[in-house]
Every structure is written in C-alpha cells, then in structure tokens.
Amino acid sequence: MPVFGLDMATLVQDGAAVLVHTLAMLVVMGVVALAVYEKLGVGVLRRAWLNVDLLWAIAVLAAGVVTLFT
C-alpha cells in the first residue's frame, strides 16, 4: 500500500542509499583520521584543538538573536 505516494520499493531504495552514504562517510572519516594520526600524531590536537563547546554556544546565541529580531 503506498504511503504518501511512495511504494515499498522506493522506501527500500532510499534506505539503501542512506545506508551506503553513511557507511562511505564513516570509512572516509576513519581513513582520514588514521592518515592524520600516522602523519602528525596526537601532538597536533594539543596545538590546534578547536573549543567545540564555545563554538556551539556562539552558534546558539547567534540563532537566538536572529530569531529574536526576525
């Protein structure tokens, strides 16, 4: 039975595409992480670490300001 104009074959195909994309991204991230680790080691993290908590706080505050004034 179609759901919102989609049949089961379309849903399976879409799910497979999402799965393949997710797995490919994970593999590429892992390969890049290993390459950086082998080439630069852990020392690069100490020197170039980005404070993600601060970045998220700034993003949330900016979104709040934009929401407030629009």
Protein backbone atom coordinates (compact mmCIF):
# COMPACT_ATOMS: atom_id res chain seq x y z
CA MET A 1 0.00 0.00 0.00
CA PRO A 2 1.51 3.37 -0.98
CA VAL A 3 2.27 5.79 1.80
CA PHE A 4 2.12 9.44 0.68
CA GLY A 5 2.78 8.39 -2.91
CA LEU A 6 5.77 6.18 -2.03
CA ASP A 7 5.77 2.45 -2.56
CA MET A 8 7.86 -0.09 -0.65
CA ALA A 9 10.48 -0.36 -3.41
CA THR A 10 11.14 3.38 -3.24
CA LEU A 11 11.45 3.30 0.54
CA VAL A 12 13.88 0.35 0.39
CA GLN A 13 15.93 2.06 -2.31
CA ASP A 14 16.05 5.32 -0.35
CA GLY A 15 17.02 3.46 2.83
CA ALA A 16 19.79 1.61 0.99
CA ALA A 17 21.10 4.90 -0.42
CA VAL A 18 21.21 6.45 3.05
CA LEU A 19 22.97 3.36 4.43
CA VAL A 20 25.59 3.32 1.66
CA HIS A 21 26.21 7.05 2.04
CA THR A 22 26.57 6.77 5.83
CA LEU A 23 28.97 3.84 5.60
CA ALA A 24 31.05 5.60 2.93
CA MET A 25 31.29 8.73 5.08
CA LEU A 26 32.35 6.69 8.12
CA VAL A 27 35.02 4.86 6.11
CA VAL A 28 36.41 8.10 4.66
CA MET A 29 36.44 9.78 8.10
CA GLY A 30 38.25 6.79 9.57
CA VAL A 31 40.86 6.73 6.78
CA VAL A 32 41.47 10.48 7.10
CA ALA A 33 41.73 10.19 10.89
CA LEU A 34 44.24 7.37 10.62
CA ALA A 35 46.27 9.23 7.99
CA VAL A 36 46.41 12.38 10.13
CA TYR A 37 47.29 10.35 13.22
CA GLU A 38 50.08 8.48 11.39
CA LYS A 39 51.48 11.65 9.80
CA LEU A 40 51.07 14.20 12.59
CA GLY A 41 50.41 12.19 15.74
CA VAL A 42 48.47 13.35 18.77
CA GLY A 43 50.57 16.49 19.22
CA VAL A 44 48.59 18.32 16.55
CA LEU A 45 45.48 18.02 18.73
CA ARG A 46 47.20 19.82 21.56
CA ARG A 47 48.22 22.69 19.30
CA ALA A 48 45.19 23.04 17.03
CA TRP A 49 42.24 21.95 19.15
CA LEU A 50 39.02 23.84 18.49
CA ASN A 51 36.84 24.52 21.50
CA VAL A 52 33.61 22.97 20.24
CA ASP A 53 31.66 23.95 23.36
CA LEU A 54 32.45 27.61 22.75
CA LEU A 55 31.56 27.25 19.06
CA TRP A 56 28.17 25.70 19.91
CA ALA A 57 27.45 28.39 22.50
CA ILE A 58 28.16 31.11 19.95
CA ALA A 59 26.00 29.36 17.33
CA VAL A 60 23.06 29.02 19.74
CA LEU A 61 23.35 32.65 20.84
CA ALA A 62 23.54 33.84 17.21
CA ALA A 63 20.49 31.74 16.29
CA GLY A 64 18.61 33.21 19.24
CA VAL A 65 19.49 36.78 18.25
CA VAL A 66 18.48 36.14 14.63
CA THR A 67 15.20 34.56 15.79
CA LEU A 68 14.52 37.42 18.17
CA PHE A 69 14.91 40.12 15.53
CA THR A 70 13.26 38.43 12.55
